[in-house]
Protein backbone atom coordinates (compact mmCIF):
# COMPACT_ATOMS: atom_id res chain seq x y z
CA UNK A 1 50.66 -141.68 156.73
CA UNK A 2 48.88 -138.33 156.42
CA UNK A 3 45.70 -137.34 158.25
CA UNK A 4 43.42 -138.18 155.32
CA UNK A 5 44.90 -141.67 155.02
CA UNK A 6 44.65 -142.24 158.76
CA UNK A 7 41.04 -141.02 158.72
CA UNK A 8 40.26 -143.44 155.89
CA UNK A 9 41.99 -146.31 157.69
CA UNK A 10 40.10 -145.75 160.95
CA UNK A 11 36.78 -145.41 159.10
CA UNK A 12 37.38 -148.65 157.20
CA UNK A 13 38.53 -150.48 160.34
CA UNK A 14 35.38 -149.33 162.14
CA UNK A 15 33.23 -150.46 159.21
CA UNK A 16 34.92 -153.87 159.26
CA UNK A 17 34.10 -154.27 162.97
CA UNK A 18 30.40 -153.79 162.23
CA UNK A 19 30.61 -155.86 159.07
CA UNK A 20 32.10 -158.75 161.04
CA UNK A 21 29.51 -158.42 163.81
CA UNK A 22 26.31 -158.55 161.76
CA UNK A 23 26.07 -161.69 159.57
CA UNK A 24 25.92 -164.47 162.16
CA UNK A 25 23.33 -162.55 164.16
CA UNK A 26 21.24 -162.03 161.01
CA UNK A 27 21.41 -165.74 160.21
CA UNK A 28 20.42 -166.87 163.72
CA UNK A 29 18.21 -164.20 165.31
CA UNK A 30 16.75 -166.56 167.93
CA UNK A 31 20.23 -167.32 169.26
CA UNK A 32 21.04 -163.61 169.26
CA UNK A 33 17.80 -162.91 171.15
CA UNK A 34 18.94 -165.37 173.82
CA UNK A 35 22.29 -163.58 174.07
CA UNK A 36 20.51 -160.22 174.42
CA UNK A 37 18.12 -161.65 177.03
CA UNK A 38 21.04 -162.93 179.09
CA UNK A 39 22.05 -159.34 179.82
CA UNK A 40 18.74 -158.85 181.68
CA UNK A 41 18.63 -155.18 180.69
CA UNK A 42 15.83 -154.91 178.13
CA UNK A 43 12.19 -155.67 178.84
CA UNK A 44 11.27 -159.05 177.37
CA UNK A 45 9.01 -157.38 174.80
CA UNK A 46 12.03 -155.60 173.24
CA UNK A 47 14.45 -158.53 173.11
CA UNK A 48 13.17 -160.11 169.88
CA UNK A 49 12.72 -156.74 168.19
CA UNK A 50 16.31 -155.81 169.08
CA UNK A 51 17.64 -159.17 167.89
CA UNK A 52 15.90 -158.70 164.55
CA UNK A 53 16.87 -155.07 163.94
CA UNK A 54 20.26 -154.46 165.56
CA UNK A 55 22.33 -156.65 163.20
CA UNK A 56 20.74 -154.96 160.18
CA UNK A 57 21.56 -151.55 161.66
CA UNK A 58 25.15 -152.72 162.14
CA UNK A 59 25.24 -153.81 158.49
CA UNK A 60 23.79 -150.51 157.25
CA UNK A 61 26.27 -148.50 159.32
CA UNK A 62 29.14 -150.59 157.94
CA UNK A 63 27.93 -150.01 154.38
CA UNK A 64 27.56 -146.27 154.94
CA UNK A 65 31.07 -146.05 156.37
CA UNK A 66 32.54 -148.03 153.50
CA UNK A 67 30.66 -146.00 150.88
CA UNK A 68 31.40 -142.68 152.62
CA UNK A 69 27.70 -141.87 152.58
CA UNK A 70 26.05 -139.88 155.36
CA UNK A 71 29.31 -139.95 157.29
CA UNK A 72 28.25 -137.84 160.27
CA UNK A 73 25.10 -139.86 160.99
CA UNK A 74 26.92 -143.15 160.34
CA UNK A 75 29.75 -142.29 162.71
CA UNK A 76 27.27 -141.00 165.29
CA UNK A 77 25.26 -144.25 165.13
CA UNK A 78 28.43 -146.35 165.26
CA UNK A 79 29.64 -144.56 168.38
CA UNK A 80 26.24 -144.68 170.07
CA UNK A 81 26.01 -148.43 169.43
CA UNK A 82 29.56 -148.99 170.68
CA UNK A 83 28.89 -146.94 173.83
CA UNK A 84 25.68 -148.89 174.51
CA UNK A 85 27.44 -152.21 173.91
CA UNK A 86 30.24 -151.21 176.29
CA UNK A 87 27.75 -150.02 178.93
CA UNK A 88 25.85 -153.32 178.69
CA UNK A 89 29.06 -155.28 179.21
CA UNK A 90 30.12 -153.15 182.17
CA UNK A 91 26.63 -153.46 183.66
CA UNK A 92 26.71 -157.25 183.29
CA UNK A 93 30.14 -157.41 184.90
CA UNK A 94 29.07 -155.19 187.80
CA UNK A 95 26.03 -157.40 188.39
CA UNK A 96 28.25 -160.49 188.50
CA UNK A 97 27.05 -161.94 185.19
CA UNK A 98 29.55 -163.98 183.22
CA UNK A 99 28.14 -164.44 179.77
CA UNK A 100 29.06 -164.65 176.12
CA UNK A 101 28.86 -161.07 174.88
CA UNK A 102 27.05 -161.99 171.64
CA UNK A 103 29.14 -159.38 169.84
CA UNK A 104 30.41 -161.44 166.92
CA UNK A 105 28.24 -164.52 167.28
CA UNK A 106 24.54 -165.06 167.61
CA UNK A 107 24.94 -166.96 170.87
CA UNK A 108 25.59 -170.49 171.99
CA UNK A 109 29.23 -169.75 172.77
CA UNK A 110 30.36 -170.46 176.33
CA UNK A 111 30.87 -167.47 178.58
CA UNK A 112 34.21 -165.80 178.34
CA UNK A 113 36.30 -163.39 180.32
CA UNK A 114 34.08 -160.32 180.71
CA UNK A 115 37.10 -158.04 181.17
CA UNK A 116 38.42 -159.12 177.77
CA UNK A 117 35.10 -158.16 176.18
CA UNK A 118 35.08 -154.84 178.04
CA UNK A 119 38.62 -153.94 176.99
CA UNK A 120 37.96 -154.98 173.39
CA UNK A 121 34.75 -152.96 173.17
CA UNK A 122 36.49 -150.02 174.85
CA UNK A 123 39.10 -150.15 172.09
CA UNK A 124 36.35 -150.30 169.46
CA UNK A 125 34.74 -147.21 171.00
CA UNK A 126 38.12 -145.43 171.01
CA UNK A 127 38.47 -146.36 167.33
CA UNK A 128 35.01 -144.94 166.61
CA UNK A 129 35.72 -141.70 168.44
CA UNK A 130 39.07 -141.38 166.67
CA UNK A 131 37.40 -142.00 163.31
CA UNK A 132 34.91 -139.24 164.10
CA UNK A 133 37.63 -136.82 165.16
CA UNK A 134 39.76 -137.55 162.10
CA UNK A 135 36.82 -137.39 159.72
CA UNK A 136 36.15 -133.81 160.83
CA UNK A 137 39.64 -132.85 159.68
CA UNK A 138 39.66 -134.94 156.51
CA UNK A 139 39.10 -133.39 153.08
CA UNK A 140 35.52 -133.56 151.73
CA UNK A 141 36.39 -136.18 149.10
CA UNK A 142 37.54 -138.71 151.67
């Protein structure tokens, strides 16, 4: 596999992560708002706004990555979101919270192993950073 193919594969894999994350949260924003609120990070006034907008942003980023449109901004947004998601999980773990991450569901799922969520999101962030690095070296048409 050459660099261009590997860059394409990482970009598509990253897009699929965001594509898998968005739909259930879009369908059930109230449940997703509960999941966000459980982190006890955002002020209450921002929880509903975040629950309504974040899944759509995930969907837009996935579409941009799949369509190869605005690649630098799309990869930047993907990595910022992944870093924030990882930081929220680490913060929850450090504060002794054991909750459902809300990453691929809108909520209502029993709490899981926080370390599993942290490792998984760390791998997603590594994928995003790798996609960014490889995209810089990929030919313009890719």
